[in-house]
Amino acid sequence: MTAITEIFVLKMKDGAHVDAVREAARKDFVALDGVTSWETLVSVDPNKPTLYTDIFTFPDHETAKRVTPQFAERSATQAFLAEIDEIIVGQFFKAHNPQTTE
């Protein structure tokens, strides 16, 4: 099985409570069977303090496709979605292992 990473680059609404909302959503979502992790990165650009990358991992593509739709259905994650100002990009990725021929 190939692990799947889902990456979202998000512009969040400005507010001190956003971190608490994200943490409640994280706790709820990673408790689901099939969600391996949820990591959050923040921009180092001081002019973009609300720019984040949220990274979800799943054991395989089938699991990712099965679990991801549940994100919009859960109350904790719905509260997180309400704090998003703009989704810049969201996409599934897998490890790049090129086959070399010699």
C-alpha atoms as a PDB file:
ATOM      1  CA  MET A   1       0.000   0.000   0.000  1.00  0.00           C
ATOM      2  CA  THR A   2       1.133   3.508  -0.772  1.00  0.00           C
ATOM      3  CA  ALA A   3       0.535   6.095   1.933  1.00  0.00           C
ATOM      4  CA  ILE A   4      -1.465   9.125   0.805  1.00  0.00           C
ATOM      5  CA  THR A   5      -0.892  12.696   1.905  1.00  0.00           C
ATOM      6  CA  GLU A   6      -3.613  15.296   1.410  1.00  0.00           C
ATOM      7  CA  ILE A   7      -2.331  18.862   1.491  1.00  0.00           C
ATOM      8  CA  PHE A   8      -4.398  22.024   1.818  1.00  0.00           C
ATOM      9  CA  VAL A   9      -2.995  25.534   1.646  1.00  0.00           C
ATOM     10  CA  LEU A  10      -5.493  27.708   3.500  1.00  0.00           C
ATOM     11  CA  LYS A  11      -5.997  31.360   4.231  1.00  0.00           C
ATOM     12  CA  MET A  12      -7.732  31.402   7.591  1.00  0.00           C
ATOM     13  CA  LYS A  13      -9.939  34.102   9.063  1.00  0.00           C
ATOM     14  CA  ASP A  14      -8.106  36.255  11.573  1.00  0.00           C
ATOM     15  CA  GLY A  15      -8.919  35.424  15.149  1.00  0.00           C
ATOM     16  CA  ALA A  16      -7.248  34.110  18.262  1.00  0.00           C
ATOM     17  CA  HIS A  17      -9.830  31.331  18.589  1.00  0.00           C
ATOM     18  CA  VAL A  18      -8.853  29.686  15.273  1.00  0.00           C
ATOM     19  CA  ASP A  19      -6.119  27.602  16.941  1.00  0.00           C
ATOM     20  CA  ALA A  20      -8.571  26.210  19.495  1.00  0.00           C
ATOM     21  CA  VAL A  21     -11.091  25.396  16.753  1.00  0.00           C
ATOM     22  CA  ARG A  22      -8.373  23.647  14.695  1.00  0.00           C
ATOM     23  CA  GLU A  23      -7.208  21.606  17.684  1.00  0.00           C
ATOM     24  CA  ALA A  24     -10.750  20.441  18.476  1.00  0.00           C
ATOM     25  CA  ALA A  25     -11.212  19.453  14.822  1.00  0.00           C
ATOM     26  CA  ARG A  26      -7.823  17.690  14.768  1.00  0.00           C
ATOM     27  CA  LYS A  27      -8.645  15.658  17.883  1.00  0.00           C
ATOM     28  CA  ASP A  28     -11.983  14.613  16.387  1.00  0.00           C
ATOM     29  CA  PHE A  29     -10.737  13.807  12.874  1.00  0.00           C
ATOM     30  CA  VAL A  30      -7.611  11.833  13.767  1.00  0.00           C
ATOM     31  CA  ALA A  31      -9.767   9.643  16.014  1.00  0.00           C
ATOM     32  CA  LEU A  32     -11.451   8.253  12.885  1.00  0.00           C
ATOM     33  CA  ASP A  33     -10.297   4.871  11.686  1.00  0.00           C
ATOM     34  CA  GLY A  34      -8.001   5.430   8.703  1.00  0.00           C
ATOM     35  CA  VAL A  35      -6.672   8.891   9.553  1.00  0.00           C
ATOM     36  CA  THR A  36      -2.968   8.550  10.299  1.00  0.00           C
ATOM     37  CA  SER A  37      -2.154  12.183  11.133  1.00  0.00           C
ATOM     38  CA  TRP A  38      -2.951  15.876  10.731  1.00  0.00           C
ATOM     39  CA  GLU A  39      -0.042  18.314  10.780  1.00  0.00           C
ATOM     40  CA  THR A  40      -0.264  22.102  10.504  1.00  0.00           C
ATOM     41  CA  LEU A  41       2.391  24.470   9.177  1.00  0.00           C
ATOM     42  CA  VAL A  42       2.210  28.267   9.228  1.00  0.00           C
ATOM     43  CA  SER A  43       3.811  30.748   6.844  1.00  0.00           C
ATOM     44  CA  VAL A  44       7.038  32.408   7.976  1.00  0.00           C
ATOM     45  CA  ASP A  45       6.109  35.538   6.012  1.00  0.00           C
ATOM     46  CA  PRO A  46       5.121  38.174   8.591  1.00  0.00           C
ATOM     47  CA  ASN A  47       2.775  39.691   5.993  1.00  0.00           C
ATOM     48  CA  LYS A  48       0.799  36.423   5.772  1.00  0.00           C
ATOM     49  CA  PRO A  49       0.028  35.446   9.377  1.00  0.00           C
ATOM     50  CA  THR A  50      -3.180  33.630   8.408  1.00  0.00           C
ATOM     51  CA  LEU A  51      -1.620  31.418   5.698  1.00  0.00           C
ATOM     52  CA  TYR A  52      -1.433  27.771   6.782  1.00  0.00           C
ATOM     53  CA  THR A  53      -0.813  24.355   5.298  1.00  0.00           C
ATOM     54  CA  ASP A  54      -2.778  21.492   6.794  1.00  0.00           C
ATOM     55  CA  ILE A  55      -1.421  18.058   5.942  1.00  0.00           C
ATOM     56  CA  PHE A  56      -3.442  14.867   6.424  1.00  0.00           C
ATOM     57  CA  THR A  57      -2.046  11.354   5.998  1.00  0.00           C
ATOM     58  CA  PHE A  58      -3.854   8.107   5.283  1.00  0.00           C
ATOM     59  CA  PRO A  59      -2.553   4.548   4.810  1.00  0.00           C
ATOM     60  CA  ASP A  60      -3.741   4.317   1.188  1.00  0.00           C
ATOM     61  CA  HIS A  61      -5.814   6.061  -1.490  1.00  0.00           C
ATOM     62  CA  GLU A  62      -8.952   3.996  -0.927  1.00  0.00           C
ATOM     63  CA  THR A  63      -8.970   4.893   2.761  1.00  0.00           C
ATOM     64  CA  ALA A  64      -8.367   8.568   1.970  1.00  0.00           C
ATOM     65  CA  LYS A  65     -11.307   8.606  -0.453  1.00  0.00           C
ATOM     66  CA  ARG A  66     -13.527   6.867   2.120  1.00  0.00           C
ATOM     67  CA  VAL A  67     -12.599   9.021   5.128  1.00  0.00           C
ATOM     68  CA  THR A  68     -12.126  12.490   3.612  1.00  0.00           C
ATOM     69  CA  PRO A  69     -15.850  13.138   2.916  1.00  0.00           C
ATOM     70  CA  GLN A  70     -16.562  12.663   6.633  1.00  0.00           C
ATOM     71  CA  PHE A  71     -14.557  15.826   7.341  1.00  0.00           C
ATOM     72  CA  ALA A  72     -17.428  18.063   6.199  1.00  0.00           C
ATOM     73  CA  GLU A  73     -20.008  16.052   8.157  1.00  0.00           C
ATOM     74  CA  ARG A  74     -18.615  16.315  11.702  1.00  0.00           C
ATOM     75  CA  SER A  75     -19.468  19.226  13.980  1.00  0.00           C
ATOM     76  CA  ALA A  76     -15.880  19.887  15.137  1.00  0.00           C
ATOM     77  CA  THR A  77     -14.550  19.898  11.601  1.00  0.00           C
ATOM     78  CA  GLN A  78     -17.496  21.987  10.366  1.00  0.00           C
ATOM     79  CA  ALA A  79     -16.477  24.628  12.926  1.00  0.00           C
ATOM     80  CA  PHE A  80     -12.940  24.520  11.487  1.00  0.00           C
ATOM     81  CA  LEU A  81     -14.248  24.840   7.918  1.00  0.00           C
ATOM     82  CA  ALA A  82     -16.192  27.937   8.984  1.00  0.00           C
ATOM     83  CA  GLU A  83     -12.854  29.587   9.916  1.00  0.00           C
ATOM     84  CA  ILE A  84     -11.393  29.177   6.415  1.00  0.00           C
ATOM     85  CA  ASP A  85     -11.347  32.386   4.412  1.00  0.00           C
ATOM     86  CA  GLU A  86      -9.991  30.750   1.234  1.00  0.00           C
ATOM     87  CA  ILE A  87      -8.820  27.311   0.119  1.00  0.00           C
ATOM     88  CA  ILE A  88      -5.853  28.056  -2.112  1.00  0.00           C
ATOM     89  CA  VAL A  89      -5.184  24.438  -3.053  1.00  0.00           C
ATOM     90  CA  GLY A  90      -6.182  20.966  -1.892  1.00  0.00           C
ATOM     91  CA  GLN A  91      -4.813  17.773  -3.425  1.00  0.00           C
ATOM     92  CA  PHE A  92      -3.911  14.127  -2.709  1.00  0.00           C
ATOM     93  CA  PHE A  93      -0.225  13.199  -3.095  1.00  0.00           C
ATOM     94  CA  LYS A  94       1.846  10.015  -2.846  1.00  0.00           C
ATOM     95  CA  ALA A  95       5.591   9.420  -2.640  1.00  0.00           C
ATOM     96  CA  HIS A  96       7.452   9.918  -5.904  1.00  0.00           C
ATOM     97  CA  ASN A  97       9.579   6.858  -6.578  1.00  0.00           C
ATOM     98  CA  PRO A  98      10.790   7.116 -10.165  1.00  0.00           C
ATOM     99  CA  GLN A  99      11.892   3.948 -11.866  1.00  0.00           C
ATOM    100  CA  THR A 100      15.366   4.353 -13.240  1.00  0.00           C
ATOM    101  CA  THR A 101      16.725   2.286 -16.074  1.00  0.00           C
ATOM    102  CA  GLU A 102      20.406   1.730 -16.462  1.00  0.00           C
END
